[in-house]
Amino acid sequence: MNQNWILLVVAAILEVFWVIGLAHAYSVWTWIGTIIALIISNYLMISAGRTLPVGTVYSVFVGLGAAGTVISEILFFDEPFKWEKIVLIALLLIGVIGLKVVTDEKSVKGAES
């Protein structure tokens, strides 16, 4: 996995934090943390989109973020566990992995390989 894919995975992880922050922030500091996670997450996603196809970047970003958010809600915020959710998340992750497998990187002039 190269640097752009790593940036995208980190962006998706931060997306989980800011999405949870939108629902559960309760003080100025938690809102500041949510906003910082949002800004860094989107910056990393945009950075990955400079080399990877934008449609793939956005799909992977949203897919991983949605899966991470649902799993986090189940584990940490008493969201009911349902096998249907797990199966659908697995299908979503299969699609994300499939996009990674079939995506070629563009070569950017002046960029290091």
Protein backbone atom coordinates (compact mmCIF):
# COMPACT_ATOMS: atom_id res chain seq x y z
CA MET A 1 0.00 0.00 0.00
CA ASN A 2 1.53 3.30 -0.99
CA GLN A 3 1.44 6.69 0.67
CA ASN A 4 -1.78 7.90 -0.99
CA TRP A 5 -3.74 4.87 0.16
CA ILE A 6 -2.33 5.31 3.67
CA LEU A 7 -3.44 8.97 3.63
CA LEU A 8 -6.89 7.84 2.57
CA VAL A 9 -7.19 5.24 5.34
CA VAL A 10 -6.04 7.79 7.95
CA ALA A 11 -8.58 10.28 6.54
CA ALA A 12 -11.33 7.68 6.90
CA ILE A 13 -10.31 6.92 10.50
CA LEU A 14 -10.44 10.63 11.30
CA GLU A 15 -13.84 10.77 9.59
CA VAL A 16 -15.12 8.29 12.16
CA PHE A 17 -13.94 10.61 14.95
CA TRP A 18 -15.54 13.75 13.53
CA VAL A 19 -18.82 12.03 12.67
CA ILE A 20 -19.04 10.66 16.21
CA GLY A 21 -18.04 14.11 17.45
CA LEU A 22 -20.98 15.67 15.62
CA ALA A 23 -23.35 13.45 17.55
CA HIS A 24 -21.61 13.33 20.93
CA ALA A 25 -19.66 16.59 21.39
CA TYR A 26 -20.68 18.26 24.63
CA SER A 27 -18.15 21.01 25.36
CA VAL A 28 -16.01 23.56 23.60
CA TRP A 29 -13.02 21.20 23.64
CA THR A 30 -14.91 18.28 22.13
CA TRP A 31 -16.26 20.58 19.42
CA ILE A 32 -12.74 21.89 18.73
CA GLY A 33 -11.48 18.31 18.46
CA THR A 34 -14.34 17.47 16.10
CA ILE A 35 -13.56 20.45 13.87
CA ILE A 36 -9.83 19.66 13.81
CA ALA A 37 -10.54 16.02 12.87
CA LEU A 38 -12.91 17.22 10.12
CA ILE A 39 -10.35 19.61 8.64
CA ILE A 40 -7.44 17.15 8.74
CA SER A 41 -9.62 14.32 7.42
CA ASN A 42 -10.79 16.32 4.41
CA TYR A 43 -7.28 17.63 3.75
CA LEU A 44 -5.89 14.09 3.67
CA MET A 45 -8.72 12.92 1.42
CA ILE A 46 -8.08 15.78 -1.02
CA SER A 47 -4.34 15.04 -0.93
CA ALA A 48 -4.98 11.41 -1.87
CA GLY A 49 -7.27 12.59 -4.67
CA ARG A 50 -4.38 14.36 -6.36
CA THR A 51 -2.98 10.98 -7.44
CA LEU A 52 -5.79 8.47 -7.07
CA PRO A 53 -9.05 8.74 -9.06
CA VAL A 54 -11.40 11.09 -7.23
CA GLY A 55 -14.43 8.79 -7.49
CA THR A 56 -12.48 5.95 -5.94
CA VAL A 57 -11.06 8.21 -3.22
CA TYR A 58 -14.48 9.48 -2.22
CA SER A 59 -16.06 6.02 -2.32
CA VAL A 60 -13.34 4.50 -0.15
CA PHE A 61 -13.40 7.48 2.23
CA VAL A 62 -17.14 7.31 2.76
CA GLY A 63 -17.26 3.50 2.83
CA LEU A 64 -14.54 3.10 5.44
CA GLY A 65 -15.92 6.03 7.42
CA ALA A 66 -19.44 4.62 7.43
CA ALA A 67 -18.25 1.14 8.42
CA GLY A 68 -16.05 2.55 11.18
CA THR A 69 -18.84 4.76 12.48
CA VAL A 70 -21.37 1.93 12.65
CA ILE A 71 -18.88 -0.38 14.37
CA SER A 72 -17.87 2.36 16.83
CA GLU A 73 -21.50 3.10 17.66
CA ILE A 74 -22.09 -0.59 18.39
CA LEU A 75 -18.94 -0.96 20.51
CA PHE A 76 -18.94 2.32 22.42
CA PHE A 77 -22.39 3.94 22.30
CA ASP A 78 -24.89 1.11 22.94
CA GLU A 79 -26.20 0.92 19.40
CA PRO A 80 -28.05 -2.40 19.08
CA PHE A 81 -26.00 -5.21 17.51
CA LYS A 82 -27.69 -6.74 14.48
CA TRP A 83 -26.20 -9.38 12.22
CA GLU A 84 -27.78 -7.62 9.25
CA LYS A 85 -25.64 -4.54 9.93
CA ILE A 86 -22.48 -6.63 10.11
CA VAL A 87 -23.28 -8.40 6.84
CA LEU A 88 -23.96 -5.09 5.10
CA ILE A 89 -20.76 -3.57 6.48
CA ALA A 90 -18.86 -6.62 5.22
CA LEU A 91 -20.37 -6.13 1.75
CA LEU A 92 -19.40 -2.46 1.88
CA LEU A 93 -15.83 -3.33 2.86
CA ILE A 94 -15.63 -5.93 0.08
CA GLY A 95 -16.57 -3.16 -2.36
CA VAL A 96 -13.95 -0.81 -0.89
CA ILE A 97 -11.25 -3.49 -1.13
CA GLY A 98 -12.38 -4.22 -4.69
CA LEU A 99 -11.95 -0.56 -5.61
CA LYS A 100 -8.44 -0.61 -4.14
CA VAL A 101 -7.54 -3.73 -6.13
CA VAL A 102 -8.77 -2.43 -9.50
CA THR A 103 -7.54 1.17 -9.19
CA ASP A 104 -4.39 2.32 -10.96
CA GLU A 105 -2.57 5.40 -9.77
CA LYS A 106 -2.07 8.30 -12.11
CA SER A 107 1.48 9.45 -12.50
CA VAL A 108 1.78 13.05 -11.41
CA LYS A 109 4.42 15.16 -13.09
CA GLY A 110 7.18 15.95 -10.62
CA ALA A 111 5.86 13.60 -7.95
CA GLU A 112 8.07 10.98 -6.39
CA SER A 113 7.15 7.37 -7.03
